[in-house]
């Protein structure tokens, strides 16, 4: 298993349950393992990222490196330690 770094917006950081200044991480070998691993490792984060059907929420983007998992065919290659998953959320207002 690879140790994968998770980067989330500051508004969601407290849901990870890791001390401030500490990198959040989880273990996954590939993209197909990463999404279920994220849900298991960070259960408080899940309702903010996935809807009731298990699909990514419309305002959320998840990146693996530079690949957007929603709009790209992200290769399901074997990951190595240091892989990075980044969650980005749209912010709007008037």
Protein backbone atom coordinates (compact mmCIF):
# COMPACT_ATOMS: atom_id res chain seq x y z
CA UNK A 1 0.00 0.00 0.00
CA UNK A 2 1.12 3.51 -0.77
CA UNK A 3 0.95 6.32 1.77
CA UNK A 4 -1.12 9.04 0.05
CA UNK A 5 -1.23 12.67 1.17
CA UNK A 6 -4.66 14.29 1.36
CA UNK A 7 -5.05 18.04 0.83
CA UNK A 8 -8.41 19.64 1.65
CA UNK A 9 -9.69 23.22 1.93
CA UNK A 10 -9.12 24.84 5.31
CA UNK A 11 -12.87 24.83 5.99
CA UNK A 12 -12.86 21.01 5.99
CA UNK A 13 -9.53 20.51 7.75
CA UNK A 14 -11.01 20.00 11.22
CA UNK A 15 -13.08 17.07 9.90
CA UNK A 16 -9.92 15.07 9.27
CA UNK A 17 -9.09 14.66 12.94
CA UNK A 18 -5.38 15.32 12.53
CA UNK A 19 -3.44 17.97 14.45
CA UNK A 20 -2.90 21.35 12.79
CA UNK A 21 0.32 21.45 10.83
CA UNK A 22 0.21 17.69 10.27
CA UNK A 23 -0.29 16.23 6.81
CA UNK A 24 -3.39 14.09 6.50
CA UNK A 25 -2.76 10.79 4.80
CA UNK A 26 -4.33 7.45 4.05
CA UNK A 27 -3.32 4.22 2.34
CA UNK A 28 -4.34 3.22 -1.16
CA UNK A 29 -2.71 1.36 -4.01
CA UNK A 30 -4.64 2.98 -6.88
CA UNK A 31 -7.51 5.33 -7.68
CA UNK A 32 -10.06 2.52 -7.48
CA UNK A 33 -8.93 1.92 -3.88
CA UNK A 34 -8.55 5.59 -2.97
CA UNK A 35 -12.18 6.73 -2.86
CA UNK A 36 -13.37 3.91 -0.54
CA UNK A 37 -10.21 4.37 1.57
CA UNK A 38 -10.94 8.10 1.93
CA UNK A 39 -14.45 7.33 3.18
CA UNK A 40 -13.20 4.78 5.70
CA UNK A 41 -10.28 6.85 6.95
CA UNK A 42 -12.10 10.20 7.16
CA UNK A 43 -15.80 9.40 7.76
CA UNK A 44 -16.65 12.97 8.84
CA UNK A 45 -15.37 14.27 5.51
CA UNK A 46 -17.51 11.91 3.40
CA UNK A 47 -20.86 13.79 3.58
CA UNK A 48 -19.13 16.93 2.32
CA UNK A 49 -17.57 15.16 -0.67
CA UNK A 50 -20.12 12.51 -1.70
CA UNK A 51 -23.90 12.69 -1.92
CA UNK A 52 -26.40 10.07 -0.71
CA UNK A 53 -25.95 8.01 -3.89
CA UNK A 54 -22.17 7.85 -3.51
CA UNK A 55 -21.47 10.29 -6.36
CA UNK A 56 -19.17 13.26 -5.93
CA UNK A 57 -21.13 16.34 -4.98
CA UNK A 58 -21.58 18.79 -7.85
CA UNK A 59 -19.48 21.52 -6.21
CA UNK A 60 -16.55 19.20 -5.37
CA UNK A 61 -13.56 18.34 -7.52
CA UNK A 62 -11.05 15.66 -6.61
CA UNK A 63 -7.59 15.69 -8.16
CA UNK A 64 -4.95 12.99 -8.24
CA UNK A 65 -1.82 14.89 -9.06
CA UNK A 66 -3.01 17.09 -11.92
CA UNK A 67 -5.83 14.74 -13.00
CA UNK A 68 -9.42 15.74 -12.19
CA UNK A 69 -11.20 12.46 -11.42
CA UNK A 70 -14.56 13.82 -12.58
CA UNK A 71 -13.54 14.95 -16.05
CA UNK A 72 -10.47 12.90 -16.86
CA UNK A 73 -9.68 9.29 -17.44
CA UNK A 74 -7.32 9.00 -14.52
CA UNK A 75 -5.04 6.02 -14.99
CA UNK A 76 -5.59 3.34 -12.37
CA UNK A 77 -1.87 2.74 -12.12
CA UNK A 78 -0.23 1.46 -8.98
CA UNK A 79 0.58 4.39 -6.68
CA UNK A 80 3.75 4.91 -4.71
CA UNK A 81 4.36 6.68 -1.40
CA UNK A 82 3.95 10.40 -1.83
CA UNK A 83 0.96 10.34 -4.18
CA UNK A 84 -1.35 13.29 -3.53
CA UNK A 85 -5.15 13.55 -3.57
CA UNK A 86 -6.55 17.08 -3.43
CA UNK A 87 -10.18 17.95 -2.70
CA UNK A 88 -11.35 21.32 -4.01
CA UNK A 89 -14.73 22.89 -3.38
CA UNK A 90 -16.42 25.66 -5.31
CA UNK A 91 -17.17 28.77 -3.27
CA UNK A 92 -19.87 31.13 -4.42
CA UNK A 93 -21.74 34.02 -2.97
CA UNK A 94 -23.16 37.37 -3.74
